[in-house]
């Protein structure tokens, strides 16, 4: 694996794991990587934390940035929210997130 590239495991809504190689030097967020990998992530608001169409569950023990007030407000309005819920548009890819595991949340 190249420097500035990480592997992320995304479990889709059918329970199938997808291992994605993602660059960490291009300021991409997790939603953008999922969309570019043709996973069923809407990202309707374009990554502005104004919808919850990129809702996911973080399944690994990675230390993530704290959710912003906007993200928390959006999660308050989302369906199927769990303690490990995040908006994937608010998770920016860094080398520290190698082997991150997430699961896409069900759609309402």
N, C-alpha and C. Protein backbone atom coordinates (compact mmCIF):
# COMPACT_ATOMS: atom_id res chain seq x y z
N UNK A 1 0.84 -1.18 0.00
CA UNK A 1 0.00 0.00 0.00
C UNK A 1 0.89 1.25 0.00
N UNK A 2 0.49 2.22 -0.76
CA UNK A 2 1.28 3.45 -0.89
C UNK A 2 1.19 4.32 0.36
N UNK A 3 2.18 5.17 0.51
CA UNK A 3 2.12 6.18 1.56
C UNK A 3 0.94 7.10 1.26
N UNK A 4 0.28 7.61 2.28
CA UNK A 4 -0.90 8.46 2.14
C UNK A 4 -2.08 7.73 1.51
N UNK A 5 -2.14 6.42 1.72
CA UNK A 5 -3.29 5.61 1.31
C UNK A 5 -3.66 4.71 2.48
N UNK A 6 -4.94 4.65 2.77
CA UNK A 6 -5.42 3.79 3.86
C UNK A 6 -6.46 2.82 3.31
N UNK A 7 -6.71 1.76 4.07
CA UNK A 7 -7.78 0.83 3.77
C UNK A 7 -8.93 1.07 4.74
N UNK A 8 -10.13 1.10 4.20
CA UNK A 8 -11.34 1.26 4.99
C UNK A 8 -12.27 0.11 4.64
N UNK A 9 -12.90 -0.49 5.64
CA UNK A 9 -13.89 -1.52 5.38
C UNK A 9 -15.27 -0.93 5.59
N UNK A 10 -16.10 -0.99 4.55
CA UNK A 10 -17.46 -0.48 4.60
C UNK A 10 -18.41 -1.66 4.43
N UNK A 11 -19.27 -1.87 5.42
CA UNK A 11 -20.29 -2.91 5.32
C UNK A 11 -21.56 -2.25 4.78
N UNK A 12 -22.03 -2.77 3.65
CA UNK A 12 -23.22 -2.16 3.04
C UNK A 12 -24.49 -2.64 3.75
N UNK A 13 -25.63 -2.20 3.28
CA UNK A 13 -26.90 -2.51 3.96
C UNK A 13 -27.32 -3.97 3.79
N UNK A 14 -26.65 -4.71 2.91
CA UNK A 14 -26.92 -6.14 2.76
C UNK A 14 -25.93 -6.98 3.57
N UNK A 15 -25.03 -6.32 4.29
CA UNK A 15 -24.06 -7.03 5.13
C UNK A 15 -22.79 -7.43 4.40
N UNK A 16 -22.58 -6.92 3.19
CA UNK A 16 -21.39 -7.25 2.41
C UNK A 16 -20.29 -6.24 2.71
N UNK A 17 -19.10 -6.76 3.01
CA UNK A 17 -17.94 -5.90 3.29
C UNK A 17 -17.26 -5.48 1.99
N UNK A 18 -16.90 -4.21 1.92
CA UNK A 18 -16.15 -3.67 0.80
C UNK A 18 -14.88 -3.04 1.37
N UNK A 19 -13.73 -3.48 0.91
CA UNK A 19 -12.46 -2.88 1.35
C UNK A 19 -12.07 -1.85 0.30
N UNK A 20 -11.93 -0.62 0.76
CA UNK A 20 -11.67 0.50 -0.13
C UNK A 20 -10.30 1.09 0.19
N UNK A 21 -9.49 1.29 -0.84
CA UNK A 21 -8.24 2.04 -0.68
C UNK A 21 -8.57 3.51 -0.89
N UNK A 22 -8.16 4.33 0.05
CA UNK A 22 -8.53 5.74 0.00
C UNK A 22 -7.30 6.62 0.23
N UNK A 23 -7.17 7.69 -0.55
CA UNK A 23 -6.06 8.62 -0.35
C UNK A 23 -6.30 9.50 0.87
N UNK A 24 -5.23 9.83 1.56
CA UNK A 24 -5.37 10.71 2.73
C UNK A 24 -4.78 12.09 2.48
N UNK A 25 -4.26 12.33 1.29
CA UNK A 25 -3.60 13.60 1.01
C UNK A 25 -4.42 14.50 0.09
N UNK A 26 -5.73 14.22 -0.03
CA UNK A 26 -6.57 15.00 -0.93
C UNK A 26 -7.77 15.64 -0.22
N UNK A 27 -7.79 15.58 1.12
CA UNK A 27 -8.84 16.20 1.94
C UNK A 27 -10.23 15.65 1.62
N UNK A 28 -10.31 14.36 1.26
CA UNK A 28 -11.60 13.72 1.03
C UNK A 28 -12.24 13.35 2.36
N UNK A 29 -13.57 13.32 2.36
CA UNK A 29 -14.26 12.77 3.52
C UNK A 29 -14.76 11.38 3.17
N UNK A 30 -15.22 10.68 4.17
CA UNK A 30 -15.63 9.29 4.01
C UNK A 30 -16.83 9.17 3.06
N UNK A 31 -17.75 10.10 3.08
CA UNK A 31 -18.89 10.07 2.17
C UNK A 31 -18.43 10.11 0.72
N UNK A 32 -17.49 10.98 0.43
CA UNK A 32 -16.99 11.11 -0.95
C UNK A 32 -16.35 9.81 -1.42
N UNK A 33 -15.60 9.16 -0.54
CA UNK A 33 -14.95 7.89 -0.89
C UNK A 33 -15.99 6.81 -1.12
N UNK A 34 -17.01 6.76 -0.28
CA UNK A 34 -18.08 5.77 -0.47
C UNK A 34 -18.80 5.99 -1.79
N UNK A 35 -19.12 7.24 -2.09
CA UNK A 35 -19.80 7.54 -3.35
C UNK A 35 -18.92 7.19 -4.56
N UNK A 36 -17.64 7.51 -4.49
CA UNK A 36 -16.75 7.22 -5.62
C UNK A 36 -16.54 5.71 -5.79
N UNK A 37 -16.81 4.95 -4.73
CA UNK A 37 -16.72 3.49 -4.80
C UNK A 37 -18.07 2.86 -5.15
N UNK A 38 -19.01 3.70 -5.53
CA UNK A 38 -20.34 3.29 -5.95
C UNK A 38 -21.13 2.55 -4.88
N UNK A 39 -20.89 2.93 -3.62
CA UNK A 39 -21.70 2.41 -2.52
C UNK A 39 -22.94 3.29 -2.39
N UNK A 40 -24.04 2.74 -1.86
CA UNK A 40 -25.30 3.49 -1.82
C UNK A 40 -25.35 4.54 -0.71
N UNK A 41 -24.55 5.57 -0.88
CA UNK A 41 -24.53 6.70 0.05
C UNK A 41 -25.01 7.91 -0.75
N UNK A 42 -26.07 8.55 -0.28
CA UNK A 42 -26.64 9.66 -1.02
C UNK A 42 -25.77 10.92 -0.97
N UNK A 43 -25.56 11.42 0.23
CA UNK A 43 -24.83 12.68 0.35
C UNK A 43 -25.58 13.83 -0.29
N UNK A 44 -26.89 13.86 -0.05
CA UNK A 44 -27.78 14.81 -0.70
C UNK A 44 -27.34 16.27 -0.53
N UNK A 45 -26.83 16.61 0.63
CA UNK A 45 -26.47 18.01 0.90
C UNK A 45 -25.06 18.35 0.43
N UNK A 46 -24.34 17.38 -0.11
CA UNK A 46 -23.00 17.64 -0.60
C UNK A 46 -21.94 17.70 0.47
N UNK A 47 -22.24 17.17 1.64
CA UNK A 47 -21.24 17.12 2.70
C UNK A 47 -21.27 18.28 3.68
N UNK A 48 -22.40 18.96 3.76
CA UNK A 48 -22.51 20.14 4.62
C UNK A 48 -23.16 19.84 5.98
N UNK A 49 -23.39 18.57 6.30
CA UNK A 49 -24.07 18.16 7.54
C UNK A 49 -25.47 18.76 7.63
N UNK A 50 -26.14 18.83 6.47
CA UNK A 50 -27.50 19.37 6.42
C UNK A 50 -28.54 18.29 6.16
N UNK A 51 -28.11 17.05 6.03
CA UNK A 51 -29.03 15.93 5.88
C UNK A 51 -28.38 14.75 6.59
N UNK A 52 -29.04 13.64 6.62
CA UNK A 52 -28.44 12.47 7.26
C UNK A 52 -28.34 11.31 6.28
N UNK A 53 -28.27 11.62 4.99
CA UNK A 53 -28.26 10.56 3.98
C UNK A 53 -26.92 9.83 3.89
N UNK A 54 -25.92 10.25 4.66
CA UNK A 54 -24.64 9.54 4.70
C UNK A 54 -24.38 8.95 6.09
N UNK A 55 -25.45 8.78 6.86
CA UNK A 55 -25.37 8.24 8.22
C UNK A 55 -24.70 6.86 8.20
N UNK A 56 -23.77 6.67 9.12
CA UNK A 56 -23.09 5.38 9.23
C UNK A 56 -22.82 5.08 10.70
N UNK A 57 -22.41 3.86 10.95
CA UNK A 57 -22.00 3.42 12.29
C UNK A 57 -20.51 3.11 12.25
N UNK A 58 -19.76 3.71 13.15
CA UNK A 58 -18.32 3.44 13.26
C UNK A 58 -18.16 2.18 14.10
N UNK A 59 -17.56 1.15 13.51
CA UNK A 59 -17.46 -0.14 14.18
C UNK A 59 -16.07 -0.47 14.70
N UNK A 60 -15.10 0.36 14.40
CA UNK A 60 -13.76 0.15 14.93
C UNK A 60 -13.52 1.14 16.06
N UNK A 61 -12.40 0.97 16.73
CA UNK A 61 -12.10 1.79 17.92
C UNK A 61 -11.29 3.03 17.60
N UNK A 62 -11.32 3.51 16.38
CA UNK A 62 -10.53 4.67 16.00
C UNK A 62 -10.98 5.92 16.74
N UNK A 63 -10.02 6.76 17.04
CA UNK A 63 -10.31 8.06 17.65
C UNK A 63 -10.65 9.04 16.53
N UNK A 64 -11.90 9.50 16.52
CA UNK A 64 -12.36 10.43 15.49
C UNK A 64 -12.48 11.83 16.06
N UNK A 65 -12.53 12.80 15.17
CA UNK A 65 -12.81 14.16 15.61
C UNK A 65 -14.18 14.19 16.28
N UNK A 66 -14.36 15.08 17.23
CA UNK A 66 -15.65 15.21 17.89
C UNK A 66 -16.69 15.73 16.91
N UNK A 67 -17.94 15.23 16.99
CA UNK A 67 -18.97 15.74 16.09
C UNK A 67 -19.25 17.22 16.35
N UNK A 68 -19.47 17.96 15.27
CA UNK A 68 -19.81 19.38 15.40
C UNK A 68 -21.26 19.50 15.88
N UNK A 69 -21.65 20.70 16.30
CA UNK A 69 -23.04 20.93 16.69
C UNK A 69 -23.98 20.65 15.53
N UNK A 70 -23.58 21.03 14.31
CA UNK A 70 -24.42 20.77 13.13
C UNK A 70 -24.62 19.27 12.93
N UNK A 71 -23.55 18.50 13.09
CA UNK A 71 -23.66 17.05 12.93
C UNK A 71 -24.57 16.46 14.00
N UNK A 72 -24.39 16.88 15.24
CA UNK A 72 -25.23 16.38 16.33
C UNK A 72 -26.70 16.74 16.10
N UNK A 73 -26.95 17.96 15.64
CA UNK A 73 -28.32 18.38 15.35
C UNK A 73 -28.94 17.49 14.27
N UNK A 74 -28.17 17.17 13.24
CA UNK A 74 -28.67 16.34 12.15
C UNK A 74 -28.93 14.92 12.64
N UNK A 75 -28.03 14.39 13.45
CA UNK A 75 -28.22 13.04 13.97
C UNK A 75 -29.44 12.97 14.88
N UNK A 76 -29.75 14.08 15.57
CA UNK A 76 -30.96 14.12 16.41
C UNK A 76 -32.23 13.91 15.58
N UNK A 77 -32.16 14.25 14.31
CA UNK A 77 -33.33 14.13 13.44
C UNK A 77 -33.31 12.86 12.59
N UNK A 78 -32.22 12.10 12.64
CA UNK A 78 -32.07 10.92 11.80
C UNK A 78 -32.79 9.71 12.42
N UNK A 79 -33.02 8.72 11.59
CA UNK A 79 -33.58 7.45 12.04
C UNK A 79 -32.46 6.48 12.38
N UNK A 80 -32.76 5.52 13.24
CA UNK A 80 -31.84 4.41 13.56
C UNK A 80 -30.51 4.89 14.14
N UNK A 81 -30.53 5.94 14.93
CA UNK A 81 -29.30 6.49 15.52
C UNK A 81 -28.86 5.61 16.69
N UNK A 82 -27.56 5.33 16.72
CA UNK A 82 -26.94 4.55 17.79
C UNK A 82 -25.81 5.38 18.41
N UNK A 83 -25.22 4.87 19.48
CA UNK A 83 -24.12 5.59 20.14
C UNK A 83 -22.93 5.80 19.21
N UNK A 84 -22.75 4.92 18.23
CA UNK A 84 -21.61 5.01 17.31
C UNK A 84 -21.99 5.64 15.97
N UNK A 85 -23.14 6.33 15.92
CA UNK A 85 -23.58 6.98 14.68
C UNK A 85 -22.74 8.21 14.38
N UNK A 86 -22.43 8.37 13.10
CA UNK A 86 -21.76 9.57 12.60
C UNK A 86 -22.28 9.86 11.19
N UNK A 87 -22.07 11.08 10.75
CA UNK A 87 -22.30 11.42 9.35
C UNK A 87 -20.97 11.24 8.65
N UNK A 88 -20.94 10.40 7.62
CA UNK A 88 -19.65 10.10 6.98
C UNK A 88 -19.06 11.32 6.29
N UNK A 89 -19.88 12.32 5.98
CA UNK A 89 -19.34 13.53 5.35
C UNK A 89 -18.50 14.35 6.32
N UNK A 90 -18.60 14.06 7.60
CA UNK A 90 -17.87 14.82 8.61
C UNK A 90 -16.62 14.09 9.09
N UNK A 91 -16.31 12.96 8.48
CA UNK A 91 -15.10 12.19 8.83
C UNK A 91 -14.10 12.36 7.70
N UNK A 92 -13.08 13.18 7.93
CA UNK A 92 -12.06 13.42 6.91
C UNK A 92 -10.96 12.38 7.05
N UNK A 93 -10.49 11.90 5.92
CA UNK A 93 -9.55 10.79 5.90
C UNK A 93 -8.14 11.23 6.23
N UNK A 94 -7.57 10.58 7.24
CA UNK A 94 -6.19 10.81 7.65
C UNK A 94 -5.51 9.46 7.78
N UNK A 95 -4.19 9.47 7.85
CA UNK A 95 -3.44 8.22 7.98
C UNK A 95 -3.82 7.47 9.26
N UNK A 96 -4.27 8.19 10.29
CA UNK A 96 -4.67 7.56 11.55
C UNK A 96 -5.90 6.66 11.40
N UNK A 97 -6.64 6.82 10.30
CA UNK A 97 -7.87 6.06 10.12
C UNK A 97 -7.68 4.77 9.31
N UNK A 98 -6.42 4.35 9.13
CA UNK A 98 -6.19 3.09 8.44
C UNK A 98 -6.93 1.97 9.17
N UNK A 99 -7.60 1.12 8.41
CA UNK A 99 -8.38 -0.02 8.90
C UNK A 99 -9.65 0.41 9.63
N UNK A 100 -10.11 1.63 9.37
CA UNK A 100 -11.41 2.07 9.88
C UNK A 100 -12.49 1.12 9.37
N UNK A 101 -13.45 0.81 10.22
CA UNK A 101 -14.58 -0.04 9.83
C UNK A 101 -15.86 0.70 10.13
N UNK A 102 -16.71 0.79 9.09
CA UNK A 102 -18.01 1.42 9.26
C UNK A 102 -19.08 0.53 8.64
N UNK A 103 -20.32 0.78 9.05
CA UNK A 103 -21.48 0.11 8.46
C UNK A 103 -22.45 1.19 8.05
N UNK A 104 -23.00 1.09 6.85
CA UNK A 104 -23.99 2.07 6.40
C UNK A 104 -25.28 1.87 7.19
N UNK A 105 -25.85 2.97 7.63
CA UNK A 105 -27.10 2.91 8.39
C UNK A 105 -28.25 2.60 7.44
N UNK A 106 -29.31 1.95 7.96
CA UNK A 106 -30.47 1.70 7.11
C UNK A 106 -31.11 3.02 6.67
N UNK A 107 -31.79 2.96 5.55
CA UNK A 107 -32.54 4.15 5.11
C UNK A 107 -33.94 4.05 5.69
N UNK A 108 -34.54 5.21 5.91
CA UNK A 108 -35.87 5.22 6.54
C UNK A 108 -36.95 4.70 5.61
